[in-house]
Amino acid sequence: MKVLFSDDSIKNHSAKNYENVNLDNYDFIIAMDKQVFDYLSRKYPNTNIQNWDIADPYGKDINAYCETANEIMRNCLKFNLEFC
């Protein structure tokens, strides 16, 4: 399984434009919201795309960021149990 980001590289992470990445090279793609999921599903119909539908905490307080991080972690654990 190819990983776009590892623990070491996440510290320097910045948003990437998904239109400039060939998603056919990945086993799984996880969309954080329905709009991105719908777009990617149309553009890459034969790709395994998951929709986690996680609210963006941008502009909210630290508690919103912590809750979002916890939600992502819960989804990662479920994903790991299901696919790995």
C-alpha atoms as a PDB file:
ATOM      1  CA  MET A   1       0.000   0.000   0.000  1.00  0.00           C
ATOM      2  CA  LYS A   2       1.447   3.383  -1.002  1.00  0.00           C
ATOM      3  CA  VAL A   3       1.111   6.108   1.604  1.00  0.00           C
ATOM      4  CA  LEU A   4       0.983   9.755   0.575  1.00  0.00           C
ATOM      5  CA  PHE A   5       2.054  10.950   4.040  1.00  0.00           C
ATOM      6  CA  SER A   6       3.932   9.199   6.823  1.00  0.00           C
ATOM      7  CA  ASP A   7       4.325  10.205  10.469  1.00  0.00           C
ATOM      8  CA  ASP A   8       7.658  11.865   9.664  1.00  0.00           C
ATOM      9  CA  SER A   9       6.306  13.992   6.833  1.00  0.00           C
ATOM     10  CA  ILE A  10       3.025  15.076   8.413  1.00  0.00           C
ATOM     11  CA  LYS A  11       4.761  17.818  10.426  1.00  0.00           C
ATOM     12  CA  ASN A  12       5.504  19.671   7.216  1.00  0.00           C
ATOM     13  CA  HIS A  13       2.184  18.833   5.564  1.00  0.00           C
ATOM     14  CA  SER A  14       0.410  21.406   3.471  1.00  0.00           C
ATOM     15  CA  ALA A  15      -2.768  21.051   1.471  1.00  0.00           C
ATOM     16  CA  LYS A  16      -2.366  19.452  -1.935  1.00  0.00           C
ATOM     17  CA  ASN A  17      -4.538  20.074  -4.948  1.00  0.00           C
ATOM     18  CA  TYR A  18      -6.020  16.648  -5.632  1.00  0.00           C
ATOM     19  CA  GLU A  19      -6.439  17.526  -9.298  1.00  0.00           C
ATOM     20  CA  ASN A  20      -2.633  17.389  -9.694  1.00  0.00           C
ATOM     21  CA  VAL A  21      -2.252  13.892  -8.218  1.00  0.00           C
ATOM     22  CA  ASN A  22      -2.820  10.716 -10.222  1.00  0.00           C
ATOM     23  CA  LEU A  23      -5.099   8.829  -7.850  1.00  0.00           C
ATOM     24  CA  ASP A  24      -4.936   5.685  -9.963  1.00  0.00           C
ATOM     25  CA  ASN A  25      -1.584   5.026  -8.252  1.00  0.00           C
ATOM     26  CA  TYR A  26      -3.161   4.487  -4.816  1.00  0.00           C
ATOM     27  CA  ASP A  27      -5.002   1.538  -3.272  1.00  0.00           C
ATOM     28  CA  PHE A  28      -7.389   3.730  -1.272  1.00  0.00           C
ATOM     29  CA  ILE A  29      -8.386   7.374  -1.354  1.00  0.00           C
ATOM     30  CA  ILE A  30     -10.124   8.925   1.618  1.00  0.00           C
ATOM     31  CA  ALA A  31     -12.208  12.016   0.994  1.00  0.00           C
ATOM     32  CA  MET A  32     -12.894  14.117   4.058  1.00  0.00           C
ATOM     33  CA  ASP A  33     -16.125  15.587   2.702  1.00  0.00           C
ATOM     34  CA  LYS A  34     -18.953  14.670   0.341  1.00  0.00           C
ATOM     35  CA  GLN A  35     -18.176  17.344  -2.233  1.00  0.00           C
ATOM     36  CA  VAL A  36     -14.638  16.015  -2.747  1.00  0.00           C
ATOM     37  CA  PHE A  37     -15.927  12.428  -2.658  1.00  0.00           C
ATOM     38  CA  ASP A  38     -18.518  13.132  -5.365  1.00  0.00           C
ATOM     39  CA  TYR A  39     -15.958  14.871  -7.580  1.00  0.00           C
ATOM     40  CA  LEU A  40     -13.337  12.140  -7.206  1.00  0.00           C
ATOM     41  CA  SER A  41     -15.902   9.375  -7.716  1.00  0.00           C
ATOM     42  CA  ARG A  42     -16.849  10.885 -11.067  1.00  0.00           C
ATOM     43  CA  LYS A  43     -13.246  11.534 -12.127  1.00  0.00           C
ATOM     44  CA  TYR A  44     -11.895   8.144 -10.950  1.00  0.00           C
ATOM     45  CA  PRO A  45     -14.847   5.726 -11.201  1.00  0.00           C
ATOM     46  CA  ASN A  46     -12.697   2.584 -10.823  1.00  0.00           C
ATOM     47  CA  THR A  47     -10.851   3.750  -7.707  1.00  0.00           C
ATOM     48  CA  ASN A  48     -11.606   2.724  -4.124  1.00  0.00           C
ATOM     49  CA  ILE A  49     -12.678   6.040  -2.599  1.00  0.00           C
ATOM     50  CA  GLN A  50     -13.953   6.273   0.967  1.00  0.00           C
ATOM     51  CA  ASN A  51     -16.077   9.190   2.192  1.00  0.00           C
ATOM     52  CA  TRP A  52     -15.491  10.025   5.834  1.00  0.00           C
ATOM     53  CA  ASP A  53     -17.602  13.205   5.761  1.00  0.00           C
ATOM     54  CA  ILE A  54     -15.579  15.026   8.436  1.00  0.00           C
ATOM     55  CA  ALA A  55     -16.352  18.664   9.170  1.00  0.00           C
ATOM     56  CA  ASP A  56     -13.517  21.113   8.486  1.00  0.00           C
ATOM     57  CA  PRO A  57     -12.507  22.868  11.725  1.00  0.00           C
ATOM     58  CA  TYR A  58     -10.942  25.822   9.869  1.00  0.00           C
ATOM     59  CA  GLY A  59     -11.599  29.065  11.726  1.00  0.00           C
ATOM     60  CA  LYS A  60     -12.913  27.338  14.847  1.00  0.00           C
ATOM     61  CA  ASP A  61     -11.371  27.046  18.300  1.00  0.00           C
ATOM     62  CA  ILE A  62      -8.803  24.464  19.398  1.00  0.00           C
ATOM     63  CA  ASN A  63     -11.539  22.173  20.730  1.00  0.00           C
ATOM     64  CA  ALA A  64     -12.974  21.822  17.231  1.00  0.00           C
ATOM     65  CA  TYR A  65      -9.525  20.868  15.913  1.00  0.00           C
ATOM     66  CA  CYS A  66      -9.098  18.306  18.693  1.00  0.00           C
ATOM     67  CA  GLU A  67     -12.503  16.789  17.985  1.00  0.00           C
ATOM     68  CA  THR A  68     -11.714  16.615  14.275  1.00  0.00           C
ATOM     69  CA  ALA A  69      -8.375  14.938  15.033  1.00  0.00           C
ATOM     70  CA  ASN A  70     -10.160  12.424  17.270  1.00  0.00           C
ATOM     71  CA  GLU A  71     -12.739  11.710  14.576  1.00  0.00           C
ATOM     72  CA  ILE A  72      -9.979  11.144  12.004  1.00  0.00           C
ATOM     73  CA  MET A  73      -8.174   8.825  14.436  1.00  0.00           C
ATOM     74  CA  ARG A  74     -11.362   6.806  15.069  1.00  0.00           C
ATOM     75  CA  ASN A  75     -11.883   6.456  11.332  1.00  0.00           C
ATOM     76  CA  CYS A  76      -8.234   5.425  10.840  1.00  0.00           C
ATOM     77  CA  LEU A  77      -8.599   2.697  13.463  1.00  0.00           C
ATOM     78  CA  LYS A  78     -11.806   1.405  11.822  1.00  0.00           C
ATOM     79  CA  PHE A  79     -10.158   1.549   8.420  1.00  0.00           C
ATOM     80  CA  ASN A  80      -7.146  -0.357   9.710  1.00  0.00           C
ATOM     81  CA  LEU A  81      -9.354  -3.110  11.157  1.00  0.00           C
ATOM     82  CA  GLU A  82     -11.336  -3.401   7.937  1.00  0.00           C
ATOM     83  CA  PHE A  83      -8.612  -3.229   5.286  1.00  0.00           C
ATOM     84  CA  CYS A  84      -5.230  -4.044   6.840  1.00  0.00           C
END
